[in-house]
N, C-alpha and C. Protein backbone atom coordinates (compact mmCIF):
# COMPACT_ATOMS: atom_id res chain seq x y z
N MET A 1 0.83 -1.12 -0.10
CA MET A 1 0.13 0.31 0.13
C MET A 1 0.72 1.16 -0.11
N SER A 2 0.80 2.27 -0.88
CA SER A 2 1.45 3.58 -1.76
C SER A 2 1.15 4.44 0.18
N LYS A 3 1.89 5.14 0.86
CA LYS A 3 1.73 6.34 1.47
C LYS A 3 0.37 7.49 0.90
N ALA A 4 -0.37 7.75 2.06
CA ALA A 4 -1.92 8.44 2.07
C ALA A 4 -1.35 9.91 1.77
N TYR A 5 -1.67 10.68 0.94
CA TYR A 5 -2.04 12.02 0.95
C TYR A 5 -3.00 12.42 0.57
N PRO A 6 -3.02 13.66 1.27
CA PRO A 6 -4.01 14.79 0.74
C PRO A 6 -4.99 14.76 -0.23
N SER A 7 -4.16 14.72 -0.77
CA SER A 7 -5.07 14.87 -2.61
C SER A 7 -5.21 13.03 -2.57
N ASN A 8 -5.07 11.82 -2.55
CA ASN A 8 -6.00 11.04 -2.38
C ASN A 8 -7.36 11.15 -2.82
N LEU A 9 -7.65 10.30 -4.16
CA LEU A 9 -9.37 10.13 -4.07
C LEU A 9 -9.88 8.75 -3.18
N THR A 10 -11.05 9.63 -3.06
CA THR A 10 -11.58 9.02 -1.92
C THR A 10 -12.58 7.90 -2.78
N PRO A 11 -12.71 6.69 -2.13
CA PRO A 11 -14.24 6.30 -2.93
C PRO A 11 -14.89 6.13 -3.67
N ALA A 12 -15.79 7.05 -3.28
CA ALA A 12 -16.61 8.12 -4.38
C ALA A 12 -16.04 8.67 -5.45
N GLN A 13 -15.56 9.40 -4.69
CA GLN A 13 -14.26 10.07 -5.97
C GLN A 13 -13.79 8.63 -7.01
N TYR A 14 -13.38 7.92 -7.01
CA TYR A 14 -12.57 7.17 -7.45
C TYR A 14 -13.99 6.72 -8.60
N GLU A 15 -14.97 6.01 -8.09
CA GLU A 15 -16.06 5.46 -8.84
C GLU A 15 -16.80 6.94 -9.74
N PHE A 16 -16.57 7.89 -9.61
CA PHE A 16 -17.14 8.84 -10.02
C PHE A 16 -15.57 9.04 -11.52
N LEU A 17 -14.61 8.89 -11.23
CA LEU A 17 -14.10 9.30 -11.94
C LEU A 17 -13.46 7.68 -13.24
N HIS A 18 -13.59 6.43 -12.21
CA HIS A 18 -13.56 5.23 -12.96
C HIS A 18 -14.52 5.40 -14.48
N ASP A 19 -15.70 5.55 -14.68
CA ASP A 19 -16.79 5.37 -15.47
C ASP A 19 -16.41 6.52 -16.52
N LEU A 20 -15.49 7.53 -16.19
CA LEU A 20 -15.04 8.41 -17.52
C LEU A 20 -14.17 8.44 -18.01
N ILE A 21 -12.94 7.18 -17.68
CA ILE A 21 -11.97 6.85 -18.23
C ILE A 21 -12.41 5.67 -19.58
N PRO A 22 -12.38 5.96 -20.23
CA PRO A 22 -12.01 4.92 -21.33
C PRO A 22 -11.61 3.53 -21.56
N LYS A 23 -11.86 2.34 -21.49
CA LYS A 23 -11.89 1.02 -21.37
C LYS A 23 -10.80 0.59 -22.43
N ALA A 24 -9.52 -0.05 -22.10
CA ALA A 24 -8.72 -0.31 -22.88
C ALA A 24 -9.30 -0.81 -24.27
N LYS A 25 -8.43 -0.43 -25.53
CA LYS A 25 -8.52 -1.44 -26.50
C LYS A 25 -8.70 -2.94 -26.86
N PRO A 26 -8.91 -3.37 -27.70
CA PRO A 26 -8.42 -4.92 -27.85
C PRO A 26 -6.79 -5.18 -28.32
N GLY A 27 -6.34 -5.87 -28.51
CA GLY A 27 -5.75 -6.30 -28.71
C GLY A 27 -4.10 -5.66 -28.38
N GLY A 28 -4.51 -4.42 -27.72
CA GLY A 28 -3.03 -4.27 -26.77
C GLY A 28 -2.68 -4.62 -25.88
N TYR A 29 -1.64 -3.96 -24.86
CA TYR A 29 -0.92 -4.66 -23.77
C TYR A 29 -1.70 -5.48 -22.53
N LYS A 30 -1.28 -6.22 -22.28
CA LYS A 30 -2.98 -7.75 -21.70
C LYS A 30 -2.01 -6.82 -20.08
N GLY A 31 -1.48 -6.39 -19.62
CA GLY A 31 -1.04 -6.33 -18.63
C GLY A 31 -2.24 -5.11 -17.82
N GLU A 32 -1.95 -5.98 -16.22
CA GLU A 32 -3.14 -5.45 -15.63
C GLU A 32 -2.45 -4.15 -14.72
N ILE A 33 -3.44 -2.58 -14.64
CA ILE A 33 -2.72 -0.90 -14.53
C ILE A 33 -3.58 -1.04 -13.31
N ASP A 34 -3.52 -0.27 -11.96
CA ASP A 34 -4.08 0.12 -11.17
C ASP A 34 -5.13 1.39 -11.15
N THR A 35 -5.82 0.95 -11.88
CA THR A 35 -5.98 2.75 -12.29
C THR A 35 -6.08 4.20 -10.90
N TRP A 36 -6.91 3.70 -10.08
CA TRP A 36 -6.76 4.36 -9.22
C TRP A 36 -5.63 4.92 -8.49
N SER A 37 -4.55 4.28 -7.90
CA SER A 37 -3.11 4.24 -8.19
C SER A 37 -2.63 5.46 -8.69
N VAL A 38 -2.99 5.37 -10.51
CA VAL A 38 -2.12 5.81 -11.31
C VAL A 38 -3.27 7.53 -11.12
N LEU A 39 -4.26 7.55 -11.14
CA LEU A 39 -4.73 9.17 -10.85
C LEU A 39 -4.40 9.56 -9.07
N ASN A 40 -4.39 8.71 -8.35
CA ASN A 40 -3.76 9.26 -7.14
C ASN A 40 -2.11 9.56 -7.49
N ALA A 41 -1.16 9.62 -8.64
CA ALA A 41 0.49 9.76 -8.93
C ALA A 41 -0.66 11.10 -9.55
N ILE A 42 -1.39 10.78 -9.87
CA ILE A 42 -1.56 12.39 -11.36
C ILE A 42 -1.83 13.87 -10.58
N PHE A 43 -2.83 13.24 -9.36
CA PHE A 43 -2.65 14.07 -8.28
C PHE A 43 -1.43 14.71 -7.84
N ILE A 44 -1.24 14.05 -7.12
CA ILE A 44 0.05 14.45 -6.18
C ILE A 44 0.83 15.39 -7.37
N SER A 45 1.19 15.21 -8.47
CA SER A 45 2.31 15.59 -8.85
C SER A 45 1.70 16.94 -9.54
N CYS A 46 0.19 16.91 -9.64
CA CYS A 46 -0.55 18.45 -10.30
C CYS A 46 -0.57 19.49 -8.85
N GLU A 47 -0.33 18.96 -7.34
CA GLU A 47 -0.63 19.52 -6.11
C GLU A 47 0.89 20.01 -6.13
N LYS A 48 1.62 19.58 -6.43
CA LYS A 48 3.26 19.86 -6.04
C LYS A 48 3.57 21.09 -6.90
N GLU A 49 2.79 21.48 -8.17
CA GLU A 49 3.67 21.99 -9.03
C GLU A 49 2.81 23.55 -8.31
């Protein structure tokens, strides 16, 4: 588990945003991505600017 930051998404915020992110296209990379962690990382980097 990663460190908790004030900018981390709550479960409700994540559920709202998750529906707005397009699904992966067929034929691409089959790896799993933790979308919640990616979104949290984006918000952390935006907070530092």
